Amino acid sequence: MEENMKDRILESYLKDFSSEYNVFDVETPVAFEHFVNFCIVSREHPENFDYEKVLVGGTHDLGVDGTA
Protein backbone atom coordinates (compact mmCIF):
# COMPACT_ATOMS: atom_id res chain seq x y z
CA MET A 1 0.00 0.00 0.00
CA GLU A 2 1.27 3.43 -0.84
CA GLU A 3 2.65 5.42 2.15
CA ASN A 4 0.42 8.41 1.42
CA MET A 5 -2.65 6.15 1.49
CA LYS A 6 -1.62 4.78 4.92
CA ASP A 7 -1.28 8.33 6.23
CA ARG A 8 -4.75 9.26 5.01
CA ILE A 9 -6.28 6.18 6.60
CA LEU A 10 -4.56 6.84 9.94
CA GLU A 11 -5.52 10.52 9.79
CA SER A 12 -9.13 9.47 9.23
CA TYR A 13 -9.05 7.16 12.27
CA LEU A 14 -7.51 9.93 14.38
CA LYS A 15 -10.12 12.43 13.18
CA ASP A 16 -12.96 10.03 14.04
CA PHE A 17 -11.46 9.33 17.48
CA SER A 18 -10.94 13.04 18.16
CA SER A 19 -14.52 13.78 17.20
CA GLU A 20 -16.01 10.97 19.28
CA TYR A 21 -13.95 11.77 22.40
CA ASN A 22 -13.76 15.57 21.98
CA VAL A 23 -9.98 15.67 21.63
CA PHE A 24 -9.69 19.04 19.91
CA ASP A 25 -7.83 21.22 22.39
CA VAL A 26 -4.45 19.48 21.96
CA GLU A 27 -1.84 19.36 19.21
CA THR A 28 -1.94 16.48 16.71
CA PRO A 29 0.97 14.52 18.29
CA VAL A 30 -0.75 14.62 21.68
CA ALA A 31 -4.09 13.60 20.14
CA PHE A 32 -2.24 10.70 18.49
CA GLU A 33 -0.89 9.63 21.91
CA HIS A 34 -4.47 9.61 23.22
CA PHE A 35 -5.61 7.59 20.20
CA VAL A 36 -2.83 5.01 20.49
CA ASN A 37 -3.40 4.53 24.22
CA PHE A 38 -7.12 4.08 23.58
CA CYS A 39 -6.49 1.53 20.81
CA ILE A 40 -4.09 -0.54 22.89
CA VAL A 41 -6.15 -0.63 26.09
CA SER A 42 -9.50 -1.15 24.36
CA ARG A 43 -8.23 -4.38 22.77
CA GLU A 44 -7.75 -5.92 26.22
CA HIS A 45 -10.46 -3.98 28.05
CA PRO A 46 -13.38 -3.63 25.59
CA GLU A 47 -15.84 -2.27 28.17
CA ASN A 48 -16.31 1.47 28.43
CA PHE A 49 -13.43 3.09 30.30
CA ASP A 50 -11.93 6.53 30.78
CA TYR A 51 -8.94 6.31 28.45
CA GLU A 52 -7.53 9.52 29.96
CA LYS A 53 -6.69 7.58 33.12
CA VAL A 54 -3.96 5.68 31.25
CA LEU A 55 -2.30 8.81 29.86
CA VAL A 56 1.01 9.73 31.45
CA GLY A 57 2.71 11.67 28.64
CA GLY A 58 4.12 15.11 29.23
CA THR A 59 7.41 16.75 29.96
CA HIS A 60 10.02 14.60 31.72
CA ASP A 61 8.06 11.39 31.03
CA LEU A 62 11.07 9.47 29.65
CA GLY A 63 9.11 8.75 26.46
CA VAL A 64 6.27 6.88 28.17
CA ASP A 65 2.88 8.14 27.00
CA GLY A 66 0.55 5.69 28.72
CA THR A 67 0.33 2.90 31.25
CA ALA A 68 -2.33 0.38 32.09
C-alpha atoms as a PDB file:
ATOM      1  CA  MET A   1       0.000   0.000   0.000  1.00  0.00           C
ATOM      2  CA  GLU A   2       1.272   3.432  -0.835  1.00  0.00           C
ATOM      3  CA  GLU A   3       2.651   5.419   2.152  1.00  0.00           C
ATOM      4  CA  ASN A   4       0.421   8.414   1.419  1.00  0.00           C
ATOM      5  CA  MET A   5      -2.645   6.147   1.492  1.00  0.00           C
ATOM      6  CA  LYS A   6      -1.621   4.779   4.917  1.00  0.00           C
ATOM      7  CA  ASP A   7      -1.281   8.326   6.234  1.00  0.00           C
ATOM      8  CA  ARG A   8      -4.748   9.264   5.007  1.00  0.00           C
ATOM      9  CA  ILE A   9      -6.284   6.180   6.602  1.00  0.00           C
ATOM     10  CA  LEU A  10      -4.560   6.836   9.936  1.00  0.00           C
ATOM     11  CA  GLU A  11      -5.524  10.523   9.786  1.00  0.00           C
ATOM     12  CA  SER A  12      -9.126   9.467   9.229  1.00  0.00           C
ATOM     13  CA  TYR A  13      -9.047   7.164  12.272  1.00  0.00           C
ATOM     14  CA  LEU A  14      -7.509   9.933  14.379  1.00  0.00           C
ATOM     15  CA  LYS A  15     -10.115  12.432  13.177  1.00  0.00           C
ATOM     16  CA  ASP A  16     -12.962  10.030  14.042  1.00  0.00           C
ATOM     17  CA  PHE A  17     -11.461   9.329  17.481  1.00  0.00           C
ATOM     18  CA  SER A  18     -10.936  13.040  18.161  1.00  0.00           C
ATOM     19  CA  SER A  19     -14.515  13.782  17.203  1.00  0.00           C
ATOM     20  CA  GLU A  20     -16.009  10.970  19.284  1.00  0.00           C
ATOM     21  CA  TYR A  21     -13.945  11.772  22.397  1.00  0.00           C
ATOM     22  CA  ASN A  22     -13.759  15.572  21.977  1.00  0.00           C
ATOM     23  CA  VAL A  23      -9.977  15.666  21.634  1.00  0.00           C
ATOM     24  CA  PHE A  24      -9.688  19.040  19.915  1.00  0.00           C
ATOM     25  CA  ASP A  25      -7.826  21.224  22.393  1.00  0.00           C
ATOM     26  CA  VAL A  26      -4.450  19.478  21.958  1.00  0.00           C
ATOM     27  CA  GLU A  27      -1.840  19.361  19.212  1.00  0.00           C
ATOM     28  CA  THR A  28      -1.942  16.482  16.711  1.00  0.00           C
ATOM     29  CA  PRO A  29       0.970  14.519  18.285  1.00  0.00           C
ATOM     30  CA  VAL A  30      -0.751  14.619  21.679  1.00  0.00           C
ATOM     31  CA  ALA A  31      -4.089  13.602  20.135  1.00  0.00           C
ATOM     32  CA  PHE A  32      -2.241  10.703  18.490  1.00  0.00           C
ATOM     33  CA  GLU A  33      -0.889   9.627  21.908  1.00  0.00           C
ATOM     34  CA  HIS A  34      -4.466   9.609  23.215  1.00  0.00           C
ATOM     35  CA  PHE A  35      -5.608   7.594  20.196  1.00  0.00           C
ATOM     36  CA  VAL A  36      -2.833   5.011  20.487  1.00  0.00           C
ATOM     37  CA  ASN A  37      -3.402   4.531  24.219  1.00  0.00           C
ATOM     38  CA  PHE A  38      -7.123   4.080  23.578  1.00  0.00           C
ATOM     39  CA  CYS A  39      -6.494   1.526  20.805  1.00  0.00           C
ATOM     40  CA  ILE A  40      -4.087  -0.540  22.889  1.00  0.00           C
ATOM     41  CA  VAL A  41      -6.150  -0.626  26.087  1.00  0.00           C
ATOM     42  CA  SER A  42      -9.501  -1.149  24.355  1.00  0.00           C
ATOM     43  CA  ARG A  43      -8.233  -4.381  22.766  1.00  0.00           C
ATOM     44  CA  GLU A  44      -7.754  -5.916  26.225  1.00  0.00           C
ATOM     45  CA  HIS A  45     -10.461  -3.975  28.048  1.00  0.00           C
ATOM     46  CA  PRO A  46     -13.380  -3.628  25.588  1.00  0.00           C
ATOM     47  CA  GLU A  47     -15.841  -2.275  28.165  1.00  0.00           C
ATOM     48  CA  ASN A  48     -16.307   1.475  28.431  1.00  0.00           C
ATOM     49  CA  PHE A  49     -13.433   3.091  30.298  1.00  0.00           C
ATOM     50  CA  ASP A  50     -11.931   6.528  30.782  1.00  0.00           C
ATOM     51  CA  TYR A  51      -8.937   6.311  28.448  1.00  0.00           C
ATOM     52  CA  GLU A  52      -7.527   9.524  29.955  1.00  0.00           C
ATOM     53  CA  LYS A  53      -6.693   7.582  33.124  1.00  0.00           C
ATOM     54  CA  VAL A  54      -3.963   5.677  31.252  1.00  0.00           C
ATOM     55  CA  LEU A  55      -2.295   8.813  29.857  1.00  0.00           C
ATOM     56  CA  VAL A  56       1.014   9.730  31.448  1.00  0.00           C
ATOM     57  CA  GLY A  57       2.707  11.675  28.645  1.00  0.00           C
ATOM     58  CA  GLY A  58       4.123  15.107  29.226  1.00  0.00           C
ATOM     59  CA  THR A  59       7.413  16.746  29.958  1.00  0.00           C
ATOM     60  CA  HIS A  60      10.016  14.599  31.720  1.00  0.00           C
ATOM     61  CA  ASP A  61       8.057  11.388  31.031  1.00  0.00           C
ATOM     62  CA  LEU A  62      11.068   9.471  29.653  1.00  0.00           C
ATOM     63  CA  GLY A  63       9.110   8.755  26.456  1.00  0.00           C
ATOM     64  CA  VAL A  64       6.268   6.878  28.175  1.00  0.00           C
ATOM     65  CA  ASP A  65       2.879   8.143  27.002  1.00  0.00           C
ATOM     66  CA  GLY A  66       0.553   5.693  28.724  1.00  0.00           C
ATOM     67  CA  THR A  67       0.335   2.904  31.247  1.00  0.00           C
ATOM     68  CA  ALA A  68      -2.328   0.377  32.091  1.00  0.00           C
END
